[in-house]
Amino acid sequence: MNTLINFITRRYSRQELWSLFLICAFPLHLWTLILVFRDMSWVIERTNVWDGIGVASYGMVFAFAESLVIFVVIALLGFLTPNHWAGDRRVAFLSLLVILTALWGMISQLLFLWNISLPAPLIRLVAQSEHPLRLLYAISLAIVLPTILLPVYLFIRSNKSVKFMQDLTERLSVLTLFYLFFDLTGLVIVIIRNLA
């Protein structure tokens, strides 16, 4: 256990790990709350308010669990960053990656919820190709890669971006602490619902 702690502390301080966790938790909790409020009236109409609160509570508990998993993955990804980077630069870079990835996750889910698909001519082109799956991946990469690589490139080239990401992380951290309170409340409600 001490070996693992020593290994981790070579890259991160406790404050950096906490900041990284909060930024990993923020988009998942925000999106969970948006989806909960979207579906709450539907659930309440079909059952009752207590079931609606239960659905929201389960959503928050799952968002917390997902946040932990993403935090571990992102923290491990930090070991691939350059050794000469200071801890604040590393956390700011990883925060940027978390936010960009979360935005694309939200966009893809919105496209599904709004029932938006590829244009019919593009679907026909993909279907008639010899390797439709490869073509879909190529199209996806052509759309997603520039939106990831350009901000990453600008981040690496600019010292102002580190300060911007640190300020953003500090502001979002306060909100994320509020979300973590919802997680705790949700966990208590889930326990009560399962004991009753």
C-alpha atoms as a PDB file:
ATOM      1  CA  MET A   1       0.000   0.000   0.000  1.00  0.00           C
ATOM      2  CA  ASN A   2       2.822   2.400   0.855  1.00  0.00           C
ATOM      3  CA  THR A   3       4.396   1.682  -2.516  1.00  0.00           C
ATOM      4  CA  LEU A   4       1.189   2.689  -4.292  1.00  0.00           C
ATOM      5  CA  ILE A   5       0.900   5.878  -2.236  1.00  0.00           C
ATOM      6  CA  ASN A   6       4.530   6.778  -2.923  1.00  0.00           C
ATOM      7  CA  PHE A   7       4.010   6.090  -6.620  1.00  0.00           C
ATOM      8  CA  ILE A   8       0.981   8.387  -6.756  1.00  0.00           C
ATOM      9  CA  THR A   9       2.541  11.191  -4.697  1.00  0.00           C
ATOM     10  CA  ARG A  10       5.413  11.433  -7.169  1.00  0.00           C
ATOM     11  CA  ARG A  11       2.939  12.944  -9.630  1.00  0.00           C
ATOM     12  CA  TYR A  12       0.216  14.517  -7.520  1.00  0.00           C
ATOM     13  CA  SER A  13      -0.251  16.287  -4.229  1.00  0.00           C
ATOM     14  CA  ARG A  14      -3.407  15.657  -2.198  1.00  0.00           C
ATOM     15  CA  GLN A  15      -4.828  19.011  -3.268  1.00  0.00           C
ATOM     16  CA  GLU A  16      -4.170  18.179  -6.943  1.00  0.00           C
ATOM     17  CA  LEU A  17      -5.874  14.799  -6.585  1.00  0.00           C
ATOM     18  CA  TRP A  18      -8.873  16.433  -4.895  1.00  0.00           C
ATOM     19  CA  SER A  19      -9.128  19.075  -7.640  1.00  0.00           C
ATOM     20  CA  LEU A  20      -8.868  16.383 -10.285  1.00  0.00           C
ATOM     21  CA  PHE A  21     -11.599  14.328  -8.624  1.00  0.00           C
ATOM     22  CA  LEU A  22     -13.914  17.337  -8.406  1.00  0.00           C
ATOM     23  CA  ILE A  23     -13.458  18.171 -12.085  1.00  0.00           C
ATOM     24  CA  CYS A  24     -14.076  14.505 -12.992  1.00  0.00           C
ATOM     25  CA  ALA A  25     -17.279  14.552 -10.929  1.00  0.00           C
ATOM     26  CA  PHE A  26     -18.644  17.849 -12.229  1.00  0.00           C
ATOM     27  CA  PRO A  27     -19.812  16.975 -15.767  1.00  0.00           C
ATOM     28  CA  LEU A  28     -21.278  13.617 -14.741  1.00  0.00           C
ATOM     29  CA  HIS A  29     -23.270  15.142 -11.916  1.00  0.00           C
ATOM     30  CA  LEU A  30     -24.417  18.098 -13.984  1.00  0.00           C
ATOM     31  CA  TRP A  31     -25.611  15.826 -16.770  1.00  0.00           C
ATOM     32  CA  THR A  32     -27.269  13.445 -14.318  1.00  0.00           C
ATOM     33  CA  LEU A  33     -29.208  16.308 -12.756  1.00  0.00           C
ATOM     34  CA  ILE A  34     -30.275  17.592 -16.175  1.00  0.00           C
ATOM     35  CA  LEU A  35     -31.560  14.138 -17.128  1.00  0.00           C
ATOM     36  CA  VAL A  36     -33.231  13.682 -13.726  1.00  0.00           C
ATOM     37  CA  PHE A  37     -35.124  16.960 -14.054  1.00  0.00           C
ATOM     38  CA  ARG A  38     -36.035  16.015 -17.619  1.00  0.00           C
ATOM     39  CA  ASP A  39     -37.550  12.698 -16.521  1.00  0.00           C
ATOM     40  CA  MET A  40     -38.842  13.602 -13.053  1.00  0.00           C
ATOM     41  CA  SER A  41     -42.311  14.729 -14.139  1.00  0.00           C
ATOM     42  CA  TRP A  42     -42.703  11.612 -16.314  1.00  0.00           C
ATOM     43  CA  VAL A  43     -41.861   9.318 -13.377  1.00  0.00           C
ATOM     44  CA  ILE A  44     -44.076  11.216 -10.928  1.00  0.00           C
ATOM     45  CA  GLU A  45     -47.055  11.100 -13.316  1.00  0.00           C
ATOM     46  CA  ARG A  46     -46.806   7.323 -13.639  1.00  0.00           C
ATOM     47  CA  THR A  47     -46.054   6.527  -9.994  1.00  0.00           C
ATOM     48  CA  ASN A  48     -45.563   9.076  -7.184  1.00  0.00           C
ATOM     49  CA  VAL A  49     -43.169  11.721  -5.843  1.00  0.00           C
ATOM     50  CA  TRP A  50     -41.288   9.241  -3.625  1.00  0.00           C
ATOM     51  CA  ASP A  51     -40.480   7.085  -6.676  1.00  0.00           C
ATOM     52  CA  GLY A  52     -39.288  10.199  -8.513  1.00  0.00           C
ATOM     53  CA  ILE A  53     -36.988  11.019  -5.606  1.00  0.00           C
ATOM     54  CA  GLY A  54     -35.781   7.410  -5.642  1.00  0.00           C
ATOM     55  CA  VAL A  55     -34.944   7.578  -9.345  1.00  0.00           C
ATOM     56  CA  ALA A  56     -33.028  10.810  -8.768  1.00  0.00           C
ATOM     57  CA  SER A  57     -31.192   9.261  -5.819  1.00  0.00           C
ATOM     58  CA  TYR A  58     -30.115   6.213  -7.800  1.00  0.00           C
ATOM     59  CA  GLY A  59     -28.919   8.519 -10.577  1.00  0.00           C
ATOM     60  CA  MET A  60     -26.781  10.531  -8.171  1.00  0.00           C
ATOM     61  CA  VAL A  61     -25.278   7.417  -6.574  1.00  0.00           C
ATOM     62  CA  PHE A  62     -24.384   6.039 -10.002  1.00  0.00           C
ATOM     63  CA  ALA A  63     -22.927   9.420 -11.013  1.00  0.00           C
ATOM     64  CA  PHE A  64     -20.675   9.280  -7.957  1.00  0.00           C
ATOM     65  CA  ALA A  65     -19.537   5.733  -8.799  1.00  0.00           C
ATOM     66  CA  GLU A  66     -18.852   6.734 -12.412  1.00  0.00           C
ATOM     67  CA  SER A  67     -16.934   9.778 -11.164  1.00  0.00           C
ATOM     68  CA  LEU A  68     -14.661   7.548  -9.114  1.00  0.00           C
ATOM     69  CA  VAL A  69     -13.949   5.286 -12.090  1.00  0.00           C
ATOM     70  CA  ILE A  70     -13.238   8.214 -14.406  1.00  0.00           C
ATOM     71  CA  PHE A  71     -11.066   9.829 -11.737  1.00  0.00           C
ATOM     72  CA  VAL A  72      -8.906   6.706 -11.454  1.00  0.00           C
ATOM     73  CA  VAL A  73      -8.541   6.452 -15.241  1.00  0.00           C
ATOM     74  CA  ILE A  74      -7.692  10.149 -15.624  1.00  0.00           C
ATOM     75  CA  ALA A  75      -5.262  10.090 -12.685  1.00  0.00           C
ATOM     76  CA  LEU A  76      -3.461   7.130 -14.260  1.00  0.00           C
ATOM     77  CA  LEU A  77      -3.457   8.939 -17.598  1.00  0.00           C
ATOM     78  CA  GLY A  78      -1.588  11.725 -15.819  1.00  0.00           C
ATOM     79  CA  PHE A  79       1.410   9.426 -15.536  1.00  0.00           C
ATOM     80  CA  LEU A  80       1.753   9.662 -19.320  1.00  0.00           C
ATOM     81  CA  THR A  81       2.157  13.440 -19.224  1.00  0.00           C
ATOM     82  CA  PRO A  82       5.668  14.910 -19.461  1.00  0.00           C
ATOM     83  CA  ASN A  83       7.779  14.600 -16.303  1.00  0.00           C
ATOM     84  CA  HIS A  84       8.859  18.247 -16.421  1.00  0.00           C
ATOM     85  CA  TRP A  85       5.261  19.512 -16.093  1.00  0.00           C
ATOM     86  CA  ALA A  86       4.367  20.985 -12.720  1.00  0.00           C
ATOM     87  CA  GLY A  87       1.454  19.394 -10.891  1.00  0.00           C
ATOM     88  CA  ASP A  88      -0.891  22.320 -11.548  1.00  0.00           C
ATOM     89  CA  ARG A  89      -0.198  22.143 -15.293  1.00  0.00           C
ATOM     90  CA  ARG A  90      -0.805  18.374 -15.290  1.00  0.00           C
ATOM     91  CA  VAL A  91      -4.115  18.721 -13.446  1.00  0.00           C
ATOM     92  CA  ALA A  92      -5.189  21.578 -15.718  1.00  0.00           C
ATOM     93  CA  PHE A  93      -4.396  19.483 -18.808  1.00  0.00           C
ATOM     94  CA  LEU A  94      -6.267  16.461 -17.469  1.00  0.00           C
ATOM     95  CA  SER A  95      -9.191  18.718 -16.529  1.00  0.00           C
ATOM     96  CA  LEU A  96      -9.318  19.957 -20.109  1.00  0.00           C
ATOM     97  CA  LEU A  97      -9.447  16.362 -21.360  1.00  0.00           C
ATOM     98  CA  VAL A  98     -12.232  15.502 -18.911  1.00  0.00           C
ATOM     99  CA  ILE A  99     -14.334  18.484 -19.976  1.00  0.00           C
ATOM    100  CA  LEU A 100     -13.838  17.846 -23.702  1.00  0.00           C
ATOM    101  CA  THR A 101     -14.668  14.159 -23.352  1.00  0.00           C
ATOM    102  CA  ALA A 102     -17.727  14.939 -21.238  1.00  0.00           C
ATOM    103  CA  LEU A 103     -18.962  17.478 -23.783  1.00  0.00           C
ATOM    104  CA  TRP A 104     -18.760  14.901 -26.557  1.00  0.00           C
ATOM    105  CA  GLY A 105     -20.529  12.361 -24.358  1.00  0.00           C
ATOM    106  CA  MET A 106     -23.324  14.862 -23.750  1.00  0.00           C
ATOM    107  CA  ILE A 107     -23.552  15.757 -27.428  1.00  0.00           C
ATOM    108  CA  SER A 108     -23.814  12.106 -28.457  1.00  0.00           C
ATOM    109  CA  GLN A 109     -26.533  11.496 -25.895  1.00  0.00           C
ATOM    110  CA  LEU A 110     -28.424  14.605 -27.009  1.00  0.00           C
ATOM    111  CA  LEU A 111     -28.312  13.406 -30.613  1.00  0.00           C
ATOM    112  CA  PHE A 112     -29.867  10.147 -29.462  1.00  0.00           C
ATOM    113  CA  LEU A 113     -32.502  11.840 -27.264  1.00  0.00           C
ATOM    114  CA  TRP A 114     -33.481  14.255 -30.033  1.00  0.00           C
ATOM    115  CA  ASN A 115     -33.479  11.396 -32.579  1.00  0.00           C
ATOM    116  CA  ILE A 116     -30.935  13.084 -34.843  1.00  0.00           C
ATOM    117  CA  SER A 117     -29.065  10.764 -37.166  1.00  0.00           C
ATOM    118  CA  LEU A 118     -26.772  10.995 -40.150  1.00  0.00           C
ATOM    119  CA  PRO A 119     -28.280  12.412 -43.353  1.00  0.00           C
ATOM    120  CA  ALA A 120     -29.849   9.761 -45.617  1.00  0.00           C
ATOM    121  CA  PRO A 121     -27.291  10.186 -48.471  1.00  0.00           C
ATOM    122  CA  LEU A 122     -24.434   9.672 -46.014  1.00  0.00           C
ATOM    123  CA  ILE A 123     -26.118   6.568 -44.583  1.00  0.00           C
ATOM    124  CA  ARG A 124     -26.479   5.149 -48.102  1.00  0.00           C
ATOM    125  CA  LEU A 125     -22.811   5.907 -48.844  1.00  0.00           C
ATOM    126  CA  VAL A 126     -21.721   4.157 -45.656  1.00  0.00           C
ATOM    127  CA  ALA A 127     -24.035   1.174 -46.275  1.00  0.00           C
ATOM    128  CA  GLN A 128     -22.741   0.715 -49.837  1.00  0.00           C
ATOM    129  CA  SER A 129     -19.067   0.841 -48.854  1.00  0.00           C
ATOM    130  CA  GLU A 130     -17.015  -2.323 -48.450  1.00  0.00           C
ATOM    131  CA  HIS A 131     -16.216  -1.532 -44.805  1.00  0.00           C
ATOM    132  CA  PRO A 132     -19.113   0.467 -43.322  1.00  0.00           C
ATOM    133  CA  LEU A 133     -17.842   0.258 -39.750  1.00  0.00           C
ATOM    134  CA  ARG A 134     -14.408   1.580 -40.703  1.00  0.00           C
ATOM    135  CA  LEU A 135     -16.032   4.404 -42.645  1.00  0.00           C
ATOM    136  CA  LEU A 136     -18.221   5.323 -39.651  1.00  0.00           C
ATOM    137  CA  TYR A 137     -15.144   5.406 -37.434  1.00  0.00           C
ATOM    138  CA  ALA A 138     -13.318   7.568 -39.969  1.00  0.00           C
ATOM    139  CA  ILE A 139     -16.241  10.019 -40.147  1.00  0.00           C
ATOM    140  CA  SER A 140     -16.470  10.147 -36.360  1.00  0.00           C
ATOM    141  CA  LEU A 141     -12.752  10.755 -36.000  1.00  0.00           C
ATOM    142  CA  ALA A 142     -12.848  13.470 -38.667  1.00  0.00           C
ATOM    143  CA  ILE A 143     -15.506  15.286 -36.635  1.00  0.00           C
ATOM    144  CA  VAL A 144     -14.229  14.656 -33.100  1.00  0.00           C
ATOM    145  CA  LEU A 145     -10.433  14.817 -33.439  1.00  0.00           C
ATOM    146  CA  PRO A 146     -10.185  18.504 -34.424  1.00  0.00           C
ATOM    147  CA  THR A 147     -12.380  19.497 -31.480  1.00  0.00           C
ATOM    148  CA  ILE A 148     -10.027  17.631 -29.138  1.00  0.00           C
ATOM    149  CA  LEU A 149      -6.660  18.267 -30.754  1.00  0.00           C
ATOM    150  CA  LEU A 150      -7.089  22.020 -31.274  1.00  0.00           C
ATOM    151  CA  PRO A 151      -7.830  22.821 -27.597  1.00  0.00           C
ATOM    152  CA  VAL A 152      -5.047  20.436 -26.497  1.00  0.00           C
ATOM    153  CA  TYR A 153      -2.589  22.098 -28.884  1.00  0.00           C
ATOM    154  CA  LEU A 154      -3.594  25.572 -27.687  1.00  0.00           C
ATOM    155  CA  PHE A 155      -3.245  24.421 -24.083  1.00  0.00           C
ATOM    156  CA  ILE A 156       0.255  23.068 -24.636  1.00  0.00           C
ATOM    157  CA  ARG A 157       1.366  26.236 -26.448  1.00  0.00           C
ATOM    158  CA  SER A 158      -0.047  28.752 -23.960  1.00  0.00           C
ATOM    159  CA  ASN A 159       0.696  29.371 -20.302  1.00  0.00           C
ATOM    160  CA  LYS A 160      -2.488  31.445 -20.014  1.00  0.00           C
ATOM    161  CA  SER A 161      -4.543  28.318 -20.630  1.00  0.00           C
ATOM    162  CA  VAL A 162      -3.164  26.741 -17.443  1.00  0.00           C
ATOM    163  CA  LYS A 163      -4.349  29.733 -15.412  1.00  0.00           C
ATOM    164  CA  PHE A 164      -7.718  29.688 -17.190  1.00  0.00           C
ATOM    165  CA  MET A 165      -8.223  25.980 -16.443  1.00  0.00           C
ATOM    166  CA  GLN A 166      -7.174  26.472 -12.814  1.00  0.00           C
ATOM    167  CA  ASP A 167      -9.701  29.286 -12.390  1.00  0.00           C
ATOM    168  CA  LEU A 168     -12.397  27.207 -14.083  1.00  0.00           C
ATOM    169  CA  THR A 169     -11.592  24.206 -11.884  1.00  0.00           C
ATOM    170  CA  GLU A 170     -11.811  26.329  -8.728  1.00  0.00           C
ATOM    171  CA  ARG A 171     -15.204  27.713  -9.721  1.00  0.00           C
ATOM    172  CA  LEU A 172     -16.604  24.341 -10.717  1.00  0.00           C
ATOM    173  CA  SER A 173     -15.236  22.728  -7.551  1.00  0.00           C
ATOM    174  CA  VAL A 174     -17.590  24.738  -5.363  1.00  0.00           C
ATOM    175  CA  LEU A 175     -20.554  23.557  -7.424  1.00  0.00           C
ATOM    176  CA  THR A 176     -19.273  19.984  -7.397  1.00  0.00           C
ATOM    177  CA  LEU A 177     -19.131  20.011  -3.590  1.00  0.00           C
ATOM    178  CA  PHE A 178     -22.834  20.842  -3.677  1.00  0.00           C
ATOM    179  CA  TYR A 179     -23.386  17.881  -6.034  1.00  0.00           C
ATOM    180  CA  LEU A 180     -21.494  15.606  -3.631  1.00  0.00           C
ATOM    181  CA  PHE A 181     -23.953  16.636  -0.927  1.00  0.00           C
ATOM    182  CA  PHE A 182     -26.715  15.439  -3.292  1.00  0.00           C
ATOM    183  CA  ASP A 183     -24.797  12.152  -3.632  1.00  0.00           C
ATOM    184  CA  LEU A 184     -24.780  11.678   0.122  1.00  0.00           C
ATOM    185  CA  THR A 185     -28.468  12.528   0.330  1.00  0.00           C
ATOM    186  CA  GLY A 186     -29.167  10.159  -2.562  1.00  0.00           C
ATOM    187  CA  LEU A 187     -27.246   7.353  -0.851  1.00  0.00           C
ATOM    188  CA  VAL A 188     -29.278   7.817   2.335  1.00  0.00           C
ATOM    189  CA  ILE A 189     -32.520   7.723   0.318  1.00  0.00           C
ATOM    190  CA  VAL A 190     -31.417   4.601  -1.568  1.00  0.00           C
ATOM    191  CA  ILE A 191     -30.623   2.865   1.735  1.00  0.00           C
ATOM    192  CA  ILE A 192     -33.982   3.892   3.207  1.00  0.00           C
ATOM    193  CA  ARG A 193     -35.847   2.693   0.106  1.00  0.00           C
ATOM    194  CA  ASN A 194     -34.088  -0.670   0.187  1.00  0.00           C
ATOM    195  CA  LEU A 195     -34.692  -1.178   3.914  1.00  0.00           C
ATOM    196  CA  ALA A 196     -38.367  -0.225   3.731  1.00  0.00           C
END
